[in-house]
């Protein structure tokens, strides 16, 4: 294996790592942005008290 081949292989590895990091970063940024811009409404919890006349 010549040094040029080794350098090319290292470049491909770095490019692959860069692509994976970019995808993960974009996914996190989009998820956090959606959570910040579209907050979930508070969930309605059923009350345990009964409404009956006594």
PDB file of N, CA and C in Angstrom:
ATOM      1  N   UNK A   1       0.855  -1.177   0.000  1.00  0.00           N
ATOM      2  CA  UNK A   1       0.000   0.000   0.000  1.00  0.00           C
ATOM      3  C   UNK A   1       0.898   1.236   0.000  1.00  0.00           C
ATOM      4  N   UNK A   2       0.683   2.082  -0.949  1.00  0.00           N
ATOM      5  CA  UNK A   2       1.510   3.280  -1.054  1.00  0.00           C
ATOM      6  C   UNK A   2       0.995   4.355  -0.091  1.00  0.00           C
ATOM      7  N   UNK A   3       1.831   5.310   0.233  1.00  0.00           N
ATOM      8  CA  UNK A   3       1.377   6.390   1.125  1.00  0.00           C
ATOM      9  C   UNK A   3       0.166   7.142   0.571  1.00  0.00           C
ATOM     10  N   UNK A   4       0.088   7.263  -0.746  1.00  0.00           N
ATOM     11  CA  UNK A   4      -1.071   7.951  -1.330  1.00  0.00           C
ATOM     12  C   UNK A   4      -2.361   7.168  -1.084  1.00  0.00           C
ATOM     13  N   UNK A   5      -2.277   5.835  -1.187  1.00  0.00           N
ATOM     14  CA  UNK A   5      -3.448   5.006  -0.925  1.00  0.00           C
ATOM     15  C   UNK A   5      -3.871   5.116   0.537  1.00  0.00           C
ATOM     16  N   UNK A   6      -2.884   5.128   1.416  1.00  0.00           N
ATOM     17  CA  UNK A   6      -3.181   5.243   2.849  1.00  0.00           C
ATOM     18  C   UNK A   6      -3.835   6.590   3.138  1.00  0.00           C
ATOM     19  N   UNK A   7      -3.321   7.651   2.557  1.00  0.00           N
ATOM     20  CA  UNK A   7      -3.894   8.984   2.746  1.00  0.00           C
ATOM     21  C   UNK A   7      -5.324   9.038   2.213  1.00  0.00           C
ATOM     22  N   UNK A   8      -5.556   8.405   1.068  1.00  0.00           N
ATOM     23  CA  UNK A   8      -6.896   8.377   0.499  1.00  0.00           C
ATOM     24  C   UNK A   8      -7.847   7.635   1.431  1.00  0.00           C
ATOM     25  N   UNK A   9      -7.393   6.524   1.990  1.00  0.00           N
ATOM     26  CA  UNK A   9      -8.221   5.757   2.927  1.00  0.00           C
ATOM     27  C   UNK A   9      -8.542   6.564   4.177  1.00  0.00           C
ATOM     28  N   UNK A  10      -7.548   7.270   4.688  1.00  0.00           N
ATOM     29  CA  UNK A  10      -7.768   8.108   5.865  1.00  0.00           C
ATOM     30  C   UNK A  10      -8.749   9.237   5.536  1.00  0.00           C
ATOM     31  N   UNK A  11      -8.637   9.787   4.345  1.00  0.00           N
ATOM     32  CA  UNK A  11      -9.558  10.842   3.930  1.00  0.00           C
ATOM     33  C   UNK A  11     -10.985  10.345   3.844  1.00  0.00           C
ATOM     34  N   UNK A  12     -11.163   9.122   3.338  1.00  0.00           N
ATOM     35  CA  UNK A  12     -12.506   8.541   3.274  1.00  0.00           C
ATOM     36  C   UNK A  12     -13.075   8.306   4.669  1.00  0.00           C
ATOM     37  N   UNK A  13     -12.221   7.839   5.577  1.00  0.00           N
ATOM     38  CA  UNK A  13     -12.673   7.630   6.956  1.00  0.00           C
ATOM     39  C   UNK A  13     -13.102   8.949   7.581  1.00  0.00           C
ATOM     40  N   UNK A  14     -12.293   9.981   7.390  1.00  0.00           N
ATOM     41  CA  UNK A  14     -12.634  11.291   7.951  1.00  0.00           C
ATOM     42  C   UNK A  14     -13.919  11.830   7.341  1.00  0.00           C
ATOM     43  N   UNK A  15     -14.096  11.639   6.049  1.00  0.00           N
ATOM     44  CA  UNK A  15     -15.316  12.091   5.386  1.00  0.00           C
ATOM     45  C   UNK A  15     -16.531  11.354   5.948  1.00  0.00           C
ATOM     46  N   UNK A  16     -16.395  10.056   6.180  1.00  0.00           N
ATOM     47  CA  UNK A  16     -17.493   9.277   6.760  1.00  0.00           C
ATOM     48  C   UNK A  16     -17.852   9.750   8.157  1.00  0.00           C
ATOM     49  N   UNK A  17     -16.829  10.002   8.965  1.00  0.00           N
ATOM     50  CA  UNK A  17     -17.068  10.500  10.323  1.00  0.00           C
ATOM     51  C   UNK A  17     -17.734  11.870  10.270  1.00  0.00           C
ATOM     52  N   UNK A  18     -17.307  12.724   9.357  1.00  0.00           N
ATOM     53  CA  UNK A  18     -17.894  14.052   9.224  1.00  0.00           C
ATOM     54  C   UNK A  18     -19.361  13.969   8.836  1.00  0.00           C
ATOM     55  N   UNK A  19     -19.703  13.057   7.934  1.00  0.00           N
ATOM     56  CA  UNK A  19     -21.099  12.899   7.504  1.00  0.00           C
ATOM     57  C   UNK A  19     -21.957  12.422   8.670  1.00  0.00           C
ATOM     58  N   UNK A  20     -21.476  11.441   9.407  1.00  0.00           N
ATOM     59  CA  UNK A  20     -22.233  10.925  10.552  1.00  0.00           C
ATOM     60  C   UNK A  20     -22.432  12.019  11.592  1.00  0.00           C
ATOM     61  N   UNK A  21     -21.392  12.767  11.896  1.00  0.00           N
ATOM     62  CA  UNK A  21     -21.502  13.856  12.877  1.00  0.00           C
ATOM     63  C   UNK A  21     -22.471  14.925  12.401  1.00  0.00           C
ATOM     64  N   UNK A  22     -22.453  15.252  11.127  1.00  0.00           N
ATOM     65  CA  UNK A  22     -23.361  16.267  10.587  1.00  0.00           C
ATOM     66  C   UNK A  22     -24.807  15.808  10.701  1.00  0.00           C
ATOM     67  N   UNK A  23     -25.061  14.544  10.409  1.00  0.00           N
ATOM     68  CA  UNK A  23     -26.433  14.028  10.497  1.00  0.00           C
ATOM     69  C   UNK A  23     -26.914  14.029  11.939  1.00  0.00           C
ATOM     70  N   UNK A  24     -26.076  13.582  12.862  1.00  0.00           N
ATOM     71  CA  UNK A  24     -26.467  13.578  14.273  1.00  0.00           C
ATOM     72  C   UNK A  24     -26.702  14.992  14.790  1.00  0.00           C
ATOM     73  N   UNK A  25     -25.832  15.915  14.427  1.00  0.00           N
ATOM     74  CA  UNK A  25     -25.992  17.298  14.865  1.00  0.00           C
ATOM     75  C   UNK A  25     -27.277  17.892  14.309  1.00  0.00           C
ATOM     76  N   UNK A  26     -27.539  17.678  13.031  1.00  0.00           N
ATOM     77  CA  UNK A  26     -28.765  18.215  12.432  1.00  0.00           C
ATOM     78  C   UNK A  26     -30.007  17.623  13.090  1.00  0.00           C
ATOM     79  N   UNK A  27     -29.966  16.340  13.386  1.00  0.00           N
ATOM     80  CA  UNK A  27     -31.107  15.694  14.033  1.00  0.00           C
ATOM     81  C   UNK A  27     -31.365  16.300  15.409  1.00  0.00           C
ATOM     82  N   UNK A  28     -30.298  16.495  16.180  1.00  0.00           N
ATOM     83  CA  UNK A  28     -30.456  17.076  17.511  1.00  0.00           C
ATOM     84  C   UNK A  28     -30.955  18.515  17.436  1.00  0.00           C
ATOM     85  N   UNK A  29     -30.416  19.297  16.531  1.00  0.00           N
ATOM     86  CA  UNK A  29     -30.828  20.696  16.403  1.00  0.00           C
ATOM     87  C   UNK A  29     -32.298  20.786  16.005  1.00  0.00           C
ATOM     88  N   UNK A  30     -32.721  19.955  15.066  1.00  0.00           N
ATOM     89  CA  UNK A  30     -34.118  19.970  14.635  1.00  0.00           C
ATOM     90  C   UNK A  30     -35.040  19.537  15.773  1.00  0.00           C
ATOM     91  N   UNK A  31     -34.662  18.486  16.483  1.00  0.00           N
ATOM     92  CA  UNK A  31     -35.496  18.000  17.588  1.00  0.00           C
ATOM     93  C   UNK A  31     -35.619  19.045  18.694  1.00  0.00           C
ATOM     94  N   UNK A  32     -34.509  19.668  19.047  1.00  0.00           N
ATOM     95  CA  UNK A  32     -34.543  20.689  20.097  1.00  0.00           C
ATOM     96  C   UNK A  32     -35.333  21.908  19.628  1.00  0.00           C
ATOM     97  N   UNK A  33     -35.161  22.288  18.368  1.00  0.00           N
ATOM     98  CA  UNK A  33     -35.910  23.421  17.842  1.00  0.00           C
ATOM     99  C   UNK A  33     -37.400  23.167  17.829  1.00  0.00           C
ATOM    100  N   UNK A  34     -37.808  21.996  17.423  1.00  0.00           N
ATOM    101  CA  UNK A  34     -39.231  21.665  17.422  1.00  0.00           C
ATOM    102  C   UNK A  34     -39.791  21.652  18.835  1.00  0.00           C
ATOM    103  N   UNK A  35     -39.028  21.129  19.776  1.00  0.00           N
ATOM    104  CA  UNK A  35     -39.485  21.092  21.157  1.00  0.00           C
ATOM    105  C   UNK A  35     -39.614  22.508  21.729  1.00  0.00           C
ATOM    106  N   UNK A  36     -38.711  23.396  21.337  1.00  0.00           N
ATOM    107  CA  UNK A  36     -38.751  24.762  21.851  1.00  0.00           C
ATOM    108  C   UNK A  36     -39.872  25.570  21.200  1.00  0.00           C
ATOM    109  N   UNK A  37     -40.115  25.353  19.921  1.00  0.00           N
ATOM    110  CA  UNK A  37     -41.119  26.144  19.213  1.00  0.00           C
ATOM    111  C   UNK A  37     -42.524  25.594  19.356  1.00  0.00           C
ATOM    112  N   UNK A  38     -42.656  24.313  19.593  1.00  0.00           N
ATOM    113  CA  UNK A  38     -43.974  23.681  19.725  1.00  0.00           C
ATOM    114  C   UNK A  38     -44.065  22.944  21.053  1.00  0.00           C
ATOM    115  N   UNK A  39     -44.184  23.680  22.161  1.00  0.00           N
ATOM    116  CA  UNK A  39     -44.255  22.982  23.448  1.00  0.00           C
ATOM    117  C   UNK A  39     -45.548  22.173  23.552  1.00  0.00           C
ATOM    118  N   UNK A  40     -45.465  21.069  24.197  1.00  0.00           N
ATOM    119  CA  UNK A  40     -46.637  20.215  24.362  1.00  0.00           C
ATOM    120  C   UNK A  40     -47.587  20.860  25.364  1.00  0.00           C
ATOM    121  N   UNK A  41     -48.882  20.802  25.087  1.00  0.00           N
ATOM    122  CA  UNK A  41     -49.835  21.345  26.072  1.00  0.00           C
ATOM    123  C   UNK A  41     -49.821  20.466  27.320  1.00  0.00           C
ATOM    124  N   UNK A  42     -50.103  21.070  28.467  1.00  0.00           N
ATOM    125  CA  UNK A  42     -50.102  20.249  29.690  1.00  0.00           C
ATOM    126  C   UNK A  42     -51.160  19.162  29.597  1.00  0.00           C
ATOM    127  N   UNK A  43     -50.799  17.993  30.050  1.00  0.00           N
ATOM    128  CA  UNK A  43     -51.740  16.881  29.967  1.00  0.00           C
ATOM    129  C   UNK A  43     -52.835  17.060  31.009  1.00  0.00           C
ATOM    130  N   UNK A  44     -54.033  16.687  30.635  1.00  0.00           N
ATOM    131  CA  UNK A  44     -55.179  16.801  31.538  1.00  0.00           C
ATOM    132  C   UNK A  44     -55.263  15.520  32.335  1.00  0.00           C
ATOM    133  N   UNK A  45     -55.195  15.675  33.636  1.00  0.00           N
ATOM    134  CA  UNK A  45     -55.257  14.501  34.503  1.00  0.00           C
ATOM    135  C   UNK A  45     -56.660  14.398  35.075  1.00  0.00           C
ATOM    136  N   UNK A  46     -57.160  13.183  35.110  1.00  0.00           N
ATOM    137  CA  UNK A  46     -58.484  12.952  35.670  1.00  0.00           C
ATOM    138  C   UNK A  46     -58.435  13.135  37.174  1.00  0.00           C
ATOM    139  N   UNK A  47     -59.377  13.867  37.705  1.00  0.00           N
ATOM    140  CA  UNK A  47     -59.397  14.074  39.151  1.00  0.00           C
ATOM    141  C   UNK A  47     -60.066  12.866  39.819  1.00  0.00           C
ATOM    142  N   UNK A  48     -59.663  12.584  41.022  1.00  0.00           N
ATOM    143  CA  UNK A  48     -60.203  11.413  41.736  1.00  0.00           C
ATOM    144  C   UNK A  48     -61.457  11.772  42.522  1.00  0.00           C
ATOM    145  N   UNK A  49     -61.791  13.056  42.602  1.00  0.00           N
ATOM    146  CA  UNK A  49     -62.993  13.440  43.345  1.00  0.00           C
ATOM    147  C   UNK A  49     -64.234  13.235  42.470  1.00  0.00           C
ATOM    148  N   UNK A  50     -65.310  12.864  43.110  1.00  0.00           N
ATOM    149  CA  UNK A  50     -66.572  12.665  42.381  1.00  0.00           C
ATOM    150  C   UNK A  50     -67.459  13.865  42.600  1.00  0.00           C
ATOM    151  N   UNK A  51     -68.209  14.197  41.600  1.00  0.00           N
ATOM    152  CA  UNK A  51     -69.111  15.351  41.714  1.00  0.00           C
ATOM    153  C   UNK A  51     -70.533  14.849  41.906  1.00  0.00           C
ATOM    154  N   UNK A  52     -70.879  14.552  43.130  1.00  0.00           N
ATOM    155  CA  UNK A  52     -72.231  14.065  43.440  1.00  0.00           C
ATOM    156  C   UNK A  52     -72.841  14.941  44.511  1.00  0.00           C
ATOM    157  N   UNK A  53     -74.141  15.077  44.523  1.00  0.00           N
ATOM    158  CA  UNK A  53     -74.793  15.894  45.553  1.00  0.00           C
ATOM    159  C   UNK A  53     -75.041  15.034  46.762  1.00  0.00           C
ATOM    160  N   UNK A  54     -74.883  15.659  47.947  1.00  0.00           N
ATOM    161  CA  UNK A  54     -75.102  14.916  49.187  1.00  0.00           C
ATOM    162  C   UNK A  54     -76.173  15.549  49.984  1.00  0.00           C
TER     163      UNK A  54
END
